[in-house]
PDB file of all heavy atoms in Angstrom:
ATOM      1  N   ASN A   1     -79.209   3.483-176.384  1.00  0.00           N
ATOM      2  CA  ASN A   1     -80.455   3.908-177.009  1.00  0.00           C
ATOM      3  C   ASN A   1     -81.355   2.697-177.105  1.00  0.00           C
ATOM      4  O   ASN A   1     -81.191   1.859-177.994  1.00  0.00           O
ATOM      5  CB  ASN A   1     -80.208   4.536-178.355  1.00  0.00           C
ATOM      6  CG  ASN A   1     -81.462   5.013-179.022  1.00  0.00           C
ATOM      7  OD1 ASN A   1     -82.518   5.269-178.331  1.00  0.00           O
ATOM      8  ND2 ASN A   1     -81.467   5.162-180.312  1.00  0.00           N
ATOM      9  N   VAL A   2     -82.374   2.583-176.222  1.00  0.00           N
ATOM     10  CA  VAL A   2     -83.237   1.450-176.206  1.00  0.00           C
ATOM     11  C   VAL A   2     -84.687   1.934-176.342  1.00  0.00           C
ATOM     12  O   VAL A   2     -85.006   3.120-176.056  1.00  0.00           O
ATOM     13  CB  VAL A   2     -83.085   0.586-174.951  1.00  0.00           C
ATOM     14  CG1 VAL A   2     -81.705   0.014-174.862  1.00  0.00           C
ATOM     15  CG2 VAL A   2     -83.423   1.381-173.694  1.00  0.00           C
ATOM     16  N   ARG A   3     -85.544   1.035-176.761  1.00  0.00           N
ATOM     17  CA  ARG A   3     -86.947   1.347-176.896  1.00  0.00           C
ATOM     18  C   ARG A   3     -87.797   0.421-176.071  1.00  0.00           C
ATOM     19  O   ARG A   3     -87.348  -0.650-175.637  1.00  0.00           O
ATOM     20  CB  ARG A   3     -87.381   1.300-178.356  1.00  0.00           C
ATOM     21  CG  ARG A   3     -86.661   2.290-179.261  1.00  0.00           C
ATOM     22  CD  ARG A   3     -87.091   2.135-180.719  1.00  0.00           C
ATOM     23  NE  ARG A   3     -86.449   3.097-181.605  1.00  0.00           N
ATOM     24  CZ  ARG A   3     -86.666   3.229-182.865  1.00  0.00           C
ATOM     25  NH1 ARG A   3     -87.589   2.371-183.473  1.00  0.00           N
ATOM     26  NH2 ARG A   3     -86.049   4.119-183.546  1.00  0.00           N
ATOM     27  N   GLN A   4     -89.046   0.811-175.866  1.00  0.00           N
ATOM     28  CA  GLN A   4     -89.930  -0.049-175.107  1.00  0.00           C
ATOM     29  C   GLN A   4     -90.072  -1.419-175.787  1.00  0.00           C
ATOM     30  O   GLN A   4     -90.278  -1.530-176.999  1.00  0.00           O
ATOM     31  CB  GLN A   4     -91.355   0.630-175.030  1.00  0.00           C
ATOM     32  CG  GLN A   4     -92.296  -0.165-174.099  1.00  0.00           C
ATOM     33  CD  GLN A   4     -93.617   0.622-173.904  1.00  0.00           C
ATOM     34  OE1 GLN A   4     -93.798   1.693-174.445  1.00  0.00           O
ATOM     35  NE2 GLN A   4     -94.521   0.011-173.161  1.00  0.00           N
ATOM     36  N   GLY A   5     -89.962  -2.446-175.012  1.00  0.00           N
ATOM     37  CA  GLY A   5     -90.043  -3.830-175.531  1.00  0.00           C
ATOM     38  C   GLY A   5     -88.684  -4.442-175.764  1.00  0.00           C
ATOM     39  O   GLY A   5     -88.587  -5.631-175.937  1.00  0.00           O
ATOM     40  N   ASP A   6     -87.606  -3.631-175.822  1.00  0.00           N
ATOM     41  CA  ASP A   6     -86.279  -4.163-175.907  1.00  0.00           C
ATOM     42  C   ASP A   6     -85.957  -5.026-174.637  1.00  0.00           C
ATOM     43  O   ASP A   6     -86.469  -4.701-173.562  1.00  0.00           O
ATOM     44  CB  ASP A   6     -85.223  -3.105-176.089  1.00  0.00           C
ATOM     45  CG  ASP A   6     -85.302  -2.420-177.440  1.00  0.00           C
ATOM     46  OD1 ASP A   6     -86.107  -2.884-178.263  1.00  0.00           O
ATOM     47  OD2 ASP A   6     -84.573  -1.442-177.636  1.00  0.00           O
ATOM     48  N   ARG A   7     -85.119  -6.042-174.849  1.00  0.00           N
ATOM     49  CA  ARG A   7     -84.782  -6.850-173.716  1.00  0.00           C
ATOM     50  C   ARG A   7     -83.282  -6.732-173.446  1.00  0.00           C
ATOM     51  O   ARG A   7     -82.492  -6.553-174.306  1.00  0.00           O
ATOM     52  CB  ARG A   7     -85.113  -8.312-173.962  1.00  0.00           C
ATOM     53  CG  ARG A   7     -86.640  -8.540-174.071  1.00  0.00           C
ATOM     54  CD  ARG A   7     -87.026  -9.995-173.828  1.00  0.00           C
ATOM     55  NE  ARG A   7     -88.447 -10.167-173.793  1.00  0.00           N
ATOM     56  CZ  ARG A   7     -89.011 -11.273-173.324  1.00  0.00           C
ATOM     57  NH1 ARG A   7     -88.321 -12.274-172.916  1.00  0.00           N
ATOM     58  NH2 ARG A   7     -90.340 -11.324-173.342  1.00  0.00           N
ATOM     59  N   PHE A   8     -82.930  -6.896-172.163  1.00  0.00           N
ATOM     60  CA  PHE A   8     -81.516  -6.757-171.756  1.00  0.00           C
ATOM     61  C   PHE A   8     -81.270  -7.656-170.586  1.00  0.00           C
ATOM     62  O   PHE A   8     -82.159  -8.228-169.996  1.00  0.00           O
ATOM     63  CB  PHE A   8     -81.187  -5.303-171.421  1.00  0.00           C
ATOM     64  CG  PHE A   8     -81.920  -4.804-170.152  1.00  0.00           C
ATOM     65  CD1 PHE A   8     -81.348  -4.879-168.916  1.00  0.00           C
ATOM     66  CD2 PHE A   8     -83.195  -4.249-170.236  1.00  0.00           C
ATOM     67  CE1 PHE A   8     -81.953  -4.452-167.801  1.00  0.00           C
ATOM     68  CE2 PHE A   8     -83.888  -3.840-169.121  1.00  0.00           C
ATOM     69  CZ  PHE A   8     -83.241  -3.919-167.861  1.00  0.00           C
ATOM     70  N   SER A   9     -79.973  -7.834-170.317  1.00  0.00           N
ATOM     71  CA  SER A   9     -79.573  -8.597-169.130  1.00  0.00           C
ATOM     72  C   SER A   9     -78.445  -7.884-168.448  1.00  0.00           C
ATOM     73  O   SER A   9     -77.727  -7.084-169.027  1.00  0.00           O
ATOM     74  CB  SER A   9     -79.083 -10.034-169.552  1.00  0.00           C
ATOM     75  OG  SER A   9     -77.908  -9.952-170.304  1.00  0.00           O
ATOM     76  N   VAL A  10     -78.303  -8.177-167.143  1.00  0.00           N
ATOM     77  CA  VAL A  10     -77.254  -7.524-166.346  1.00  0.00           C
ATOM     78  C   VAL A  10     -76.444  -8.608-165.694  1.00  0.00           C
ATOM     79  O   VAL A  10     -76.966  -9.581-165.136  1.00  0.00           O
ATOM     80  CB  VAL A  10     -77.880  -6.637-165.268  1.00  0.00           C
ATOM     81  CG1 VAL A  10     -76.804  -6.095-164.343  1.00  0.00           C
ATOM     82  CG2 VAL A  10     -78.756  -5.556-165.880  1.00  0.00           C
ATOM     83  N   GLY A  11     -75.126  -8.544-165.829  1.00  0.00           N
ATOM     84  CA  GLY A  11     -74.288  -9.551-165.256  1.00  0.00           C
ATOM     85  C   GLY A  11     -72.823  -9.179-165.233  1.00  0.00           C
ATOM     86  O   GLY A  11     -72.470  -8.027-165.663  1.00  0.00           O
ATOM     87  N   PRO A  12     -71.896 -10.051-164.852  1.00  0.00           N
ATOM     88  CA  PRO A  12     -70.498  -9.810-164.845  1.00  0.00           C
ATOM     89  C   PRO A  12     -69.987  -9.346-166.201  1.00  0.00           C
ATOM     90  O   PRO A  12     -70.369  -9.965-167.219  1.00  0.00           O
ATOM     91  CB  PRO A  12     -69.876 -11.130-164.412  1.00  0.00           C
ATOM     92  CG  PRO A  12     -70.989 -11.798-163.654  1.00  0.00           C
ATOM     93  CD  PRO A  12     -72.229 -11.456-164.323  1.00  0.00           C
ATOM     94  N   GLY A  13     -69.176  -8.375-166.279  1.00  0.00           N
ATOM     95  CA  GLY A  13     -68.734  -7.822-167.507  1.00  0.00           C
ATOM     96  C   GLY A  13     -67.838  -8.726-168.317  1.00  0.00           C
ATOM     97  O   GLY A  13     -67.663  -8.544-169.527  1.00  0.00           O
ATOM     98  N   TYR A  14     -67.236  -9.764-167.712  1.00  0.00           N
ATOM     99  CA  TYR A  14     -66.308 -10.585-168.387  1.00  0.00           C
ATOM    100  C   TYR A  14     -66.916 -11.961-168.672  1.00  0.00           C
ATOM    101  O   TYR A  14     -66.232 -12.892-169.087  1.00  0.00           O
ATOM    102  CB  TYR A  14     -65.051 -10.763-167.584  1.00  0.00           C
ATOM    103  CG  TYR A  14     -65.335 -10.999-166.107  1.00  0.00           C
ATOM    104  CD1 TYR A  14     -65.707 -12.238-165.631  1.00  0.00           C
ATOM    105  CD2 TYR A  14     -65.253  -9.934-165.199  1.00  0.00           C
ATOM    106  CE1 TYR A  14     -66.017 -12.436-164.294  1.00  0.00           C
ATOM    107  CE2 TYR A  14     -65.540 -10.133-163.858  1.00  0.00           C
ATOM    108  CZ  TYR A  14     -65.916 -11.369-163.415  1.00  0.00           C
ATOM    109  OH  TYR A  14     -66.226 -11.557-162.123  1.00  0.00           O
ATOM    110  N   ALA A  15     -68.155 -12.133-168.335  1.00  0.00           N
ATOM    111  CA  ALA A  15     -68.744 -13.485-168.388  1.00  0.00           C
ATOM    112  C   ALA A  15     -69.824 -13.604-169.447  1.00  0.00           C
ATOM    113  O   ALA A  15     -69.564 -13.647-170.608  1.00  0.00           O
ATOM    114  CB  ALA A  15     -69.268 -13.879-167.013  1.00  0.00           C
ATOM    115  N   THR A  16     -71.078 -13.617-169.047  1.00  0.00           N
ATOM    116  CA  THR A  16     -72.137 -14.011-169.936  1.00  0.00           C
ATOM    117  C   THR A  16     -73.411 -13.265-169.619  1.00  0.00           C
ATOM    118  O   THR A  16     -73.573 -12.724-168.535  1.00  0.00           O
ATOM    119  CB  THR A  16     -72.359 -15.533-169.737  1.00  0.00           C
ATOM    120  OG1 THR A  16     -73.531 -15.840-170.540  1.00  0.00           O
ATOM    121  CG2 THR A  16     -72.663 -15.866-168.325  1.00  0.00           C
ATOM    122  N   ALA A  17     -74.330 -13.374-170.567  1.00  0.00           N
ATOM    123  CA  ALA A  17     -75.631 -12.776-170.340  1.00  0.00           C
ATOM    124  C   ALA A  17     -76.526 -13.644-169.556  1.00  0.00           C
ATOM    125  O   ALA A  17     -77.653 -13.242-169.195  1.00  0.00           O
ATOM    126  CB  ALA A  17     -76.282 -12.493-171.713  1.00  0.00           C
ATOM    127  N   MET A  18     -76.111 -14.876-169.242  1.00  0.00           N
ATOM    128  CA  MET A  18     -77.017 -15.799-168.557  1.00  0.00           C
ATOM    129  C   MET A  18     -76.918 -15.716-167.046  1.00  0.00           C
ATOM    130  O   MET A  18     -77.271 -16.644-166.341  1.00  0.00           O
ATOM    131  CB  MET A  18     -76.691 -17.219-169.051  1.00  0.00           C
ATOM    132  CG  MET A  18     -76.913 -17.385-170.541  1.00  0.00           C
ATOM    133  SD  MET A  18     -78.621 -17.216-171.019  1.00  0.00           S
ATOM    134  CE  MET A  18     -79.296 -18.780-170.519  1.00  0.00           C
ATOM    135  N   TYR A  19     -76.442 -14.575-166.503  1.00  0.00           N
ATOM    136  CA  TYR A  19     -76.457 -14.359-165.051  1.00  0.00           C
ATOM    137  C   TYR A  19     -77.853 -14.585-164.518  1.00  0.00           C
ATOM    138  O   TYR A  19     -78.830 -14.194-165.129  1.00  0.00           O
ATOM    139  CB  TYR A  19     -75.970 -12.946-164.749  1.00  0.00           C
ATOM    140  CG  TYR A  19     -76.618 -12.334-163.546  1.00  0.00           C
ATOM    141  CD1 TYR A  19     -76.307 -12.651-162.282  1.00  0.00           C
ATOM    142  CD2 TYR A  19     -77.647 -11.393-163.776  1.00  0.00           C
ATOM    143  CE1 TYR A  19     -76.941 -12.070-161.227  1.00  0.00           C
ATOM    144  CE2 TYR A  19     -78.292 -10.798-162.722  1.00  0.00           C
ATOM    145  CZ  TYR A  19     -77.927 -11.140-161.413  1.00  0.00           C
ATOM    146  OH  TYR A  19     -78.586 -10.587-160.372  1.00  0.00           O
ATOM    147  N   TYR A  20     -77.988 -15.188-163.331  1.00  0.00           N
ATOM    148  CA  TYR A  20     -79.331 -15.387-162.858  1.00  0.00           C
ATOM    149  C   TYR A  20     -79.570 -15.217-161.349  1.00  0.00           C
ATOM    150  O   TYR A  20     -80.711 -15.170-160.909  1.00  0.00           O
ATOM    151  CB  TYR A  20     -79.862 -16.772-163.243  1.00  0.00           C
ATOM    152  CG  TYR A  20     -79.277 -17.952-162.428  1.00  0.00           C
ATOM    153  CD1 TYR A  20     -79.975 -18.477-161.367  1.00  0.00           C
ATOM    154  CD2 TYR A  20     -78.077 -18.500-162.766  1.00  0.00           C
ATOM    155  CE1 TYR A  20     -79.478 -19.497-160.652  1.00  0.00           C
ATOM    156  CE2 TYR A  20     -77.554 -19.554-162.081  1.00  0.00           C
ATOM    157  CZ  TYR A  20     -78.272 -20.075-161.034  1.00  0.00           C
ATOM    158  OH  TYR A  20     -77.750 -21.126-160.294  1.00  0.00           O
ATOM    159  N   ALA A  21     -78.497 -15.132-160.516  1.00  0.00           N
ATOM    160  CA  ALA A  21     -78.803 -15.158-159.125  1.00  0.00           C
ATOM    161  C   ALA A  21     -77.751 -14.362-158.325  1.00  0.00           C
ATOM    162  O   ALA A  21     -76.585 -14.371-158.653  1.00  0.00           O
ATOM    163  CB  ALA A  21     -78.890 -16.583-158.555  1.00  0.00           C
ATOM    164  N   ARG A  22     -78.287 -13.666-157.247  1.00  0.00           N
ATOM    165  CA  ARG A  22     -77.414 -12.999-156.297  1.00  0.00           C
ATOM    166  C   ARG A  22     -77.774 -13.472-154.880  1.00  0.00           C
ATOM    167  O   ARG A  22     -77.098 -13.114-153.929  1.00  0.00           O
ATOM    168  CB  ARG A  22     -77.584 -11.494-156.374  1.00  0.00           C
ATOM    169  CG  ARG A  22     -76.990 -10.887-157.586  1.00  0.00           C
ATOM    170  CD  ARG A  22     -75.551 -10.479-157.338  1.00  0.00           C
ATOM    171  NE  ARG A  22     -75.443  -9.381-156.447  1.00  0.00           N
ATOM    172  CZ  ARG A  22     -74.282  -8.768-156.144  1.00  0.00           C
ATOM    173  NH1 ARG A  22     -73.165  -9.213-156.656  1.00  0.00           N
ATOM    174  NH2 ARG A  22     -74.234  -7.771-155.299  1.00  0.00           N
ATOM    175  N   GLN A  23     -78.774 -14.306-154.741  1.00  0.00           N
ATOM    176  CA  GLN A  23     -79.238 -14.737-153.414  1.00  0.00           C
ATOM    177  C   GLN A  23     -79.085 -16.252-153.314  1.00  0.00           C
ATOM    178  O   GLN A  23     -79.358 -17.013-154.174  1.00  0.00           O
ATOM    179  CB  GLN A  23     -80.735 -14.403-153.254  1.00  0.00           C
ATOM    180  CG  GLN A  23     -81.023 -12.889-153.321  1.00  0.00           C
ATOM    181  CD  GLN A  23     -80.495 -12.176-152.105  1.00  0.00           C
ATOM    182  OE1 GLN A  23     -80.416 -12.737-150.998  1.00  0.00           O
ATOM    183  NE2 GLN A  23     -80.121 -10.921-152.307  1.00  0.00           N
ATOM    184  N   ASN A  24     -78.542 -16.729-152.137  1.00  0.00           N
ATOM    185  CA  ASN A  24     -78.462 -18.131-151.868  1.00  0.00           C
ATOM    186  C   ASN A  24     -79.867 -18.751-151.886  1.00  0.00           C
ATOM    187  O   ASN A  24     -80.839 -18.230-151.374  1.00  0.00           O
ATOM    188  CB  ASN A  24     -77.880 -18.382-150.499  1.00  0.00           C
ATOM    189  CG  ASN A  24     -76.386 -18.090-150.477  1.00  0.00           C
ATOM    190  OD1 ASN A  24     -75.667 -18.335-151.453  1.00  0.00           O
ATOM    191  ND2 ASN A  24     -75.869 -17.581-149.335  1.00  0.00           N
ATOM    192  N   GLY A  25     -79.998 -19.910-152.552  1.00  0.00           N
ATOM    193  CA  GLY A  25     -81.216 -20.610-152.680  1.00  0.00           C
ATOM    194  C   GLY A  25     -82.112 -20.100-153.777  1.00  0.00           C
ATOM    195  O   GLY A  25     -83.193 -20.659-153.977  1.00  0.00           O
ATOM    196  N   GLU A  26     -81.681 -19.142-154.530  1.00  0.00           N
ATOM    197  CA  GLU A  26     -82.513 -18.645-155.631  1.00  0.00           C
ATOM    198  C   GLU A  26     -82.460 -19.561-156.831  1.00  0.00           C
ATOM    199  O   GLU A  26     -81.389 -20.019-157.168  1.00  0.00           O
ATOM    200  CB  GLU A  26     -81.999 -17.206-156.043  1.00  0.00           C
ATOM    201  CG  GLU A  26     -82.896 -16.564-157.121  1.00  0.00           C
ATOM    202  CD  GLU A  26     -82.452 -15.152-157.407  1.00  0.00           C
ATOM    203  OE1 GLU A  26     -81.665 -14.571-156.608  1.00  0.00           O
ATOM    204  OE2 GLU A  26     -82.899 -14.584-158.411  1.00  0.00           O
TER     205      GLU A  26
END
């Protein structure tokens, strides 16, 4: 249940919220 303006991150379930890249050189 989220509202406009809430922030979220997507990443490995066993790791961290600081995921940042899926592309080489990113």
